Amino acid sequence: MTALGRGLRRLLDGLYFTGGVFAALCLISILAIIVAQMIARWTGMTFPGATSYAGYAMASASFFAFAHALNRGAHIRVSILLSALGERRRWLEVWCFAIGSALAGYLAYYAIKAVYWSRKLNDISQGQDATPLWIPQMAMAAGAVLLAIAMADHLVRVLFLGDPGIRSDTVEQSHGE
């Protein structure tokens, strides 16, 4: 592998890891929102929009985690079928990653389009907080773009290297203990 290839690999793996870190931060923010809402309820105060903010953080956590989970082999895969195919396994993976890349690209395109139109039309949430919807939609769009990049990356790996580069050793170790 050339120096350029190693640098690109480090960059992409860093992007996927960063998505995982953002997902973890979103989960921590959900915890903080829930605790703040509990404290507000106990003290007789109100926390308008808390459930909406928790929902935005949950969607953000999900979308940011998709690429990281794919890269780590944490998505559900039909390993028994892939193992049974032997040498033909590569073609099934090519087909799956090609379909996945197309769908992830489609999702990313329309997620970006949704952010654009929400911003342009000044779309706001229907709750008490009146949050501009393009703000939480940006996290979804960024995660969708990251997933599209990860799918295309894995497709290229399968096509040219014969290996999707999925680190299933982390999954096997956690199940083997």
C-alpha atoms as a PDB file:
ATOM      1  CA  MET A   1       0.000   0.000   0.000  1.00  0.00           C
ATOM      2  CA  THR A   2       1.400   3.360  -0.927  1.00  0.00           C
ATOM      3  CA  ALA A   3       1.924   6.253   1.456  1.00  0.00           C
ATOM      4  CA  LEU A   4      -1.073   8.003  -0.110  1.00  0.00           C
ATOM      5  CA  GLY A   5      -3.224   4.917   0.443  1.00  0.00           C
ATOM      6  CA  ARG A   6      -2.113   4.612   4.077  1.00  0.00           C
ATOM      7  CA  GLY A   7      -2.818   8.299   4.630  1.00  0.00           C
ATOM      8  CA  LEU A   8      -6.273   8.013   3.066  1.00  0.00           C
ATOM      9  CA  ARG A   9      -6.975   4.888   5.135  1.00  0.00           C
ATOM     10  CA  ARG A  10      -5.982   6.725   8.340  1.00  0.00           C
ATOM     11  CA  LEU A  11      -8.149   9.698   7.349  1.00  0.00           C
ATOM     12  CA  LEU A  12     -11.212   7.542   6.654  1.00  0.00           C
ATOM     13  CA  ASP A  13     -10.765   5.451   9.795  1.00  0.00           C
ATOM     14  CA  GLY A  14     -10.370   8.695  11.738  1.00  0.00           C
ATOM     15  CA  LEU A  15     -13.609  10.024  10.228  1.00  0.00           C
ATOM     16  CA  TYR A  16     -15.478   6.856  11.181  1.00  0.00           C
ATOM     17  CA  PHE A  17     -14.015   6.969  14.701  1.00  0.00           C
ATOM     18  CA  THR A  18     -14.961  10.645  15.028  1.00  0.00           C
ATOM     19  CA  GLY A  19     -18.526   9.723  14.057  1.00  0.00           C
ATOM     20  CA  GLY A  20     -18.484   7.137  16.854  1.00  0.00           C
ATOM     21  CA  VAL A  21     -17.217   9.740  19.324  1.00  0.00           C
ATOM     22  CA  PHE A  22     -19.987  12.160  18.298  1.00  0.00           C
ATOM     23  CA  ALA A  23     -22.518   9.351  18.729  1.00  0.00           C
ATOM     24  CA  ALA A  24     -21.207   8.673  22.229  1.00  0.00           C
ATOM     25  CA  LEU A  25     -21.400  12.381  23.077  1.00  0.00           C
ATOM     26  CA  CYS A  26     -24.996  12.437  21.852  1.00  0.00           C
ATOM     27  CA  LEU A  27     -25.832   9.511  24.136  1.00  0.00           C
ATOM     28  CA  ILE A  28     -24.235  11.353  27.044  1.00  0.00           C
ATOM     29  CA  SER A  29     -26.299  14.426  26.168  1.00  0.00           C
ATOM     30  CA  ILE A  30     -29.452  12.284  26.258  1.00  0.00           C
ATOM     31  CA  LEU A  31     -28.510  11.236  29.787  1.00  0.00           C
ATOM     32  CA  ALA A  32     -27.861  14.860  30.766  1.00  0.00           C
ATOM     33  CA  ILE A  33     -31.205  15.978  29.308  1.00  0.00           C
ATOM     34  CA  ILE A  34     -33.083  13.243  31.153  1.00  0.00           C
ATOM     35  CA  VAL A  35     -31.351  14.067  34.446  1.00  0.00           C
ATOM     36  CA  ALA A  36     -32.012  17.801  33.936  1.00  0.00           C
ATOM     37  CA  GLN A  37     -35.655  17.051  33.202  1.00  0.00           C
ATOM     38  CA  MET A  38     -35.919  14.940  36.370  1.00  0.00           C
ATOM     39  CA  ILE A  39     -34.349  17.678  38.479  1.00  0.00           C
ATOM     40  CA  ALA A  40     -36.641  20.275  36.910  1.00  0.00           C
ATOM     41  CA  ARG A  41     -39.661  18.117  37.693  1.00  0.00           C
ATOM     42  CA  TRP A  42     -38.550  17.580  41.323  1.00  0.00           C
ATOM     43  CA  THR A  43     -38.011  21.304  41.854  1.00  0.00           C
ATOM     44  CA  GLY A  44     -41.295  22.299  40.227  1.00  0.00           C
ATOM     45  CA  MET A  45     -39.624  23.983  37.267  1.00  0.00           C
ATOM     46  CA  THR A  46     -40.262  23.297  33.606  1.00  0.00           C
ATOM     47  CA  PHE A  47     -37.819  22.239  30.929  1.00  0.00           C
ATOM     48  CA  PRO A  48     -39.599  23.047  27.668  1.00  0.00           C
ATOM     49  CA  GLY A  49     -38.531  20.945  24.718  1.00  0.00           C
ATOM     50  CA  ALA A  50     -36.601  18.349  26.730  1.00  0.00           C
ATOM     51  CA  THR A  51     -38.212  15.403  24.970  1.00  0.00           C
ATOM     52  CA  SER A  52     -37.585  17.018  21.589  1.00  0.00           C
ATOM     53  CA  TYR A  53     -33.925  17.621  22.436  1.00  0.00           C
ATOM     54  CA  ALA A  54     -33.539  14.028  23.605  1.00  0.00           C
ATOM     55  CA  GLY A  55     -35.114  12.855  20.347  1.00  0.00           C
ATOM     56  CA  TYR A  56     -32.754  15.031  18.291  1.00  0.00           C
ATOM     57  CA  ALA A  57     -29.803  13.631  20.225  1.00  0.00           C
ATOM     58  CA  MET A  58     -31.035  10.056  19.675  1.00  0.00           C
ATOM     59  CA  ALA A  59     -31.334  10.591  15.921  1.00  0.00           C
ATOM     60  CA  SER A  60     -27.908  12.225  15.867  1.00  0.00           C
ATOM     61  CA  ALA A  61     -26.376   9.360  17.847  1.00  0.00           C
ATOM     62  CA  SER A  62     -27.862   6.816  15.460  1.00  0.00           C
ATOM     63  CA  PHE A  63     -26.706   8.500  12.279  1.00  0.00           C
ATOM     64  CA  PHE A  64     -23.213   9.335  13.565  1.00  0.00           C
ATOM     65  CA  ALA A  65     -22.751   5.730  14.741  1.00  0.00           C
ATOM     66  CA  PHE A  66     -23.689   4.049  11.430  1.00  0.00           C
ATOM     67  CA  ALA A  67     -20.295   4.439   9.698  1.00  0.00           C
ATOM     68  CA  HIS A  68     -18.336   3.583  12.833  1.00  0.00           C
ATOM     69  CA  ALA A  69     -20.430   0.467  13.406  1.00  0.00           C
ATOM     70  CA  LEU A  70     -20.002  -0.597   9.770  1.00  0.00           C
ATOM     71  CA  ASN A  71     -16.245  -0.155   9.956  1.00  0.00           C
ATOM     72  CA  ARG A  72     -16.045  -2.160  13.194  1.00  0.00           C
ATOM     73  CA  GLY A  73     -18.260  -4.995  11.949  1.00  0.00           C
ATOM     74  CA  ALA A  74     -21.027  -4.241  14.445  1.00  0.00           C
ATOM     75  CA  HIS A  75     -23.861  -4.212  11.897  1.00  0.00           C
ATOM     76  CA  ILE A  76     -25.843  -7.388  11.480  1.00  0.00           C
ATOM     77  CA  ARG A  77     -24.265  -9.540   8.802  1.00  0.00           C
ATOM     78  CA  VAL A  78     -25.156 -12.984   7.600  1.00  0.00           C
ATOM     79  CA  SER A  79     -21.767 -14.504   8.413  1.00  0.00           C
ATOM     80  CA  ILE A  80     -22.974 -18.109   8.127  1.00  0.00           C
ATOM     81  CA  LEU A  81     -24.157 -17.517   4.558  1.00  0.00           C
ATOM     82  CA  LEU A  82     -20.990 -15.610   3.666  1.00  0.00           C
ATOM     83  CA  SER A  83     -18.809 -18.413   5.062  1.00  0.00           C
ATOM     84  CA  ALA A  84     -20.781 -21.077   3.188  1.00  0.00           C
ATOM     85  CA  LEU A  85     -20.226 -19.324  -0.140  1.00  0.00           C
ATOM     86  CA  GLY A  86     -16.476 -19.821  -0.048  1.00  0.00           C
ATOM     87  CA  GLU A  87     -14.856 -18.165  -3.064  1.00  0.00           C
ATOM     88  CA  ARG A  88     -18.167 -16.667  -4.227  1.00  0.00           C
ATOM     89  CA  ARG A  89     -18.405 -14.682  -0.999  1.00  0.00           C
ATOM     90  CA  ARG A  90     -16.657 -11.736  -2.608  1.00  0.00           C
ATOM     91  CA  TRP A  91     -19.396 -11.315  -5.242  1.00  0.00           C
ATOM     92  CA  LEU A  92     -22.167 -11.308  -2.663  1.00  0.00           C
ATOM     93  CA  GLU A  93     -20.257  -8.674  -0.696  1.00  0.00           C
ATOM     94  CA  VAL A  94     -19.756  -6.617  -3.873  1.00  0.00           C
ATOM     95  CA  TRP A  95     -23.482  -6.811  -4.592  1.00  0.00           C
ATOM     96  CA  CYS A  96     -24.419  -5.914  -0.993  1.00  0.00           C
ATOM     97  CA  PHE A  97     -21.987  -2.998  -0.763  1.00  0.00           C
ATOM     98  CA  ALA A  98     -23.051  -1.718  -4.191  1.00  0.00           C
ATOM     99  CA  ILE A  99     -26.712  -1.696  -3.140  1.00  0.00           C
ATOM    100  CA  GLY A 100     -25.777  -0.254   0.255  1.00  0.00           C
ATOM    101  CA  SER A 101     -23.670   2.479  -1.362  1.00  0.00           C
ATOM    102  CA  ALA A 102     -26.488   3.441  -3.702  1.00  0.00           C
ATOM    103  CA  LEU A 103     -29.043   3.557  -0.879  1.00  0.00           C
ATOM    104  CA  ALA A 104     -26.707   5.450   1.464  1.00  0.00           C
ATOM    105  CA  GLY A 105     -25.934   7.961  -1.290  1.00  0.00           C
ATOM    106  CA  TYR A 106     -29.649   8.399  -1.935  1.00  0.00           C
ATOM    107  CA  LEU A 107     -30.276   8.920   1.793  1.00  0.00           C
ATOM    108  CA  ALA A 108     -27.408  11.415   2.069  1.00  0.00           C
ATOM    109  CA  TYR A 109     -28.641  13.399  -0.933  1.00  0.00           C
ATOM    110  CA  TYR A 110     -32.157  13.741   0.430  1.00  0.00           C
ATOM    111  CA  ALA A 111     -30.953  14.412   3.988  1.00  0.00           C
ATOM    112  CA  ILE A 112     -28.895  17.337   2.679  1.00  0.00           C
ATOM    113  CA  LYS A 113     -31.860  18.480   0.614  1.00  0.00           C
ATOM    114  CA  ALA A 114     -34.093  18.372   3.716  1.00  0.00           C
ATOM    115  CA  VAL A 115     -31.625  20.565   5.617  1.00  0.00           C
ATOM    116  CA  TYR A 116     -31.543  23.017   2.718  1.00  0.00           C
ATOM    117  CA  TRP A 117     -35.325  23.304   2.472  1.00  0.00           C
ATOM    118  CA  SER A 118     -35.850  23.472   6.241  1.00  0.00           C
ATOM    119  CA  ARG A 119     -33.367  26.344   6.395  1.00  0.00           C
ATOM    120  CA  LYS A 120     -34.826  28.095   3.364  1.00  0.00           C
ATOM    121  CA  LEU A 121     -38.437  27.795   4.580  1.00  0.00           C
ATOM    122  CA  ASN A 122     -37.503  28.577   8.197  1.00  0.00           C
ATOM    123  CA  ASP A 123     -39.152  25.350   9.375  1.00  0.00           C
ATOM    124  CA  ILE A 124     -39.365  25.132  13.170  1.00  0.00           C
ATOM    125  CA  SER A 125     -40.355  22.356  15.551  1.00  0.00           C
ATOM    126  CA  GLN A 126     -43.928  22.234  16.761  1.00  0.00           C
ATOM    127  CA  GLY A 127     -42.945  22.056  20.426  1.00  0.00           C
ATOM    128  CA  GLN A 128     -42.604  24.872  22.941  1.00  0.00           C
ATOM    129  CA  ASP A 129     -38.923  25.288  22.150  1.00  0.00           C
ATOM    130  CA  ALA A 130     -39.504  26.278  18.462  1.00  0.00           C
ATOM    131  CA  THR A 131     -36.107  24.938  17.393  1.00  0.00           C
ATOM    132  CA  PRO A 132     -35.195  25.579  13.754  1.00  0.00           C
ATOM    133  CA  LEU A 133     -35.348  22.043  12.319  1.00  0.00           C
ATOM    134  CA  TRP A 134     -32.334  22.450  10.063  1.00  0.00           C
ATOM    135  CA  ILE A 135     -30.093  22.359  13.161  1.00  0.00           C
ATOM    136  CA  PRO A 136     -30.911  18.784  14.277  1.00  0.00           C
ATOM    137  CA  GLN A 137     -31.302  17.727  10.632  1.00  0.00           C
ATOM    138  CA  MET A 138     -27.683  18.715   9.988  1.00  0.00           C
ATOM    139  CA  ALA A 139     -26.482  15.964  12.312  1.00  0.00           C
ATOM    140  CA  MET A 140     -28.603  13.431  10.428  1.00  0.00           C
ATOM    141  CA  ALA A 141     -27.281  14.679   7.088  1.00  0.00           C
ATOM    142  CA  ALA A 142     -23.657  14.565   8.295  1.00  0.00           C
ATOM    143  CA  GLY A 143     -24.127  11.012   9.562  1.00  0.00           C
ATOM    144  CA  ALA A 144     -25.800   9.970   6.306  1.00  0.00           C
ATOM    145  CA  VAL A 145     -22.910  11.417   4.280  1.00  0.00           C
ATOM    146  CA  LEU A 146     -20.452   9.605   6.545  1.00  0.00           C
ATOM    147  CA  LEU A 147     -22.351   6.342   6.011  1.00  0.00           C
ATOM    148  CA  ALA A 148     -22.332   6.862   2.233  1.00  0.00           C
ATOM    149  CA  ILE A 149     -18.569   7.409   2.337  1.00  0.00           C
ATOM    150  CA  ALA A 150     -18.109   4.276   4.473  1.00  0.00           C
ATOM    151  CA  MET A 151     -20.261   2.142   2.155  1.00  0.00           C
ATOM    152  CA  ALA A 152     -18.376   3.354  -0.922  1.00  0.00           C
ATOM    153  CA  ASP A 153     -15.073   2.803   0.897  1.00  0.00           C
ATOM    154  CA  HIS A 154     -15.987  -0.794   1.709  1.00  0.00           C
ATOM    155  CA  LEU A 155     -17.230  -1.376  -1.833  1.00  0.00           C
ATOM    156  CA  VAL A 156     -13.886  -0.189  -3.231  1.00  0.00           C
ATOM    157  CA  ARG A 157     -12.042  -2.400  -0.737  1.00  0.00           C
ATOM    158  CA  VAL A 158     -14.008  -5.469  -1.799  1.00  0.00           C
ATOM    159  CA  LEU A 159     -13.621  -4.701  -5.507  1.00  0.00           C
ATOM    160  CA  PHE A 160      -9.900  -3.982  -5.527  1.00  0.00           C
ATOM    161  CA  LEU A 161      -8.541  -5.757  -2.466  1.00  0.00           C
ATOM    162  CA  GLY A 162     -11.044  -8.595  -2.158  1.00  0.00           C
ATOM    163  CA  ASP A 163     -11.577  -7.722   1.507  1.00  0.00           C
ATOM    164  CA  PRO A 164     -14.249  -5.367   2.875  1.00  0.00           C
ATOM    165  CA  GLY A 165     -11.911  -4.335   5.680  1.00  0.00           C
ATOM    166  CA  ILE A 166     -14.547  -4.935   8.330  1.00  0.00           C
ATOM    167  CA  ARG A 167     -12.942  -5.550  11.670  1.00  0.00           C
ATOM    168  CA  SER A 168     -14.990  -8.517  12.756  1.00  0.00           C
ATOM    169  CA  ASP A 169     -12.279  -9.547  15.237  1.00  0.00           C
ATOM    170  CA  THR A 170     -13.707  -7.061  17.748  1.00  0.00           C
ATOM    171  CA  VAL A 171     -17.149  -8.622  17.448  1.00  0.00           C
ATOM    172  CA  GLU A 172     -15.807 -12.180  17.675  1.00  0.00           C
ATOM    173  CA  GLN A 173     -13.762 -11.330  20.771  1.00  0.00           C
ATOM    174  CA  SER A 174     -16.766  -9.842  22.556  1.00  0.00           C
ATOM    175  CA  HIS A 175     -18.903 -12.886  21.759  1.00  0.00           C
ATOM    176  CA  GLY A 176     -16.162 -15.403  22.485  1.00  0.00           C
ATOM    177  CA  GLU A 177     -15.624 -14.392  26.107  1.00  0.00           C
END
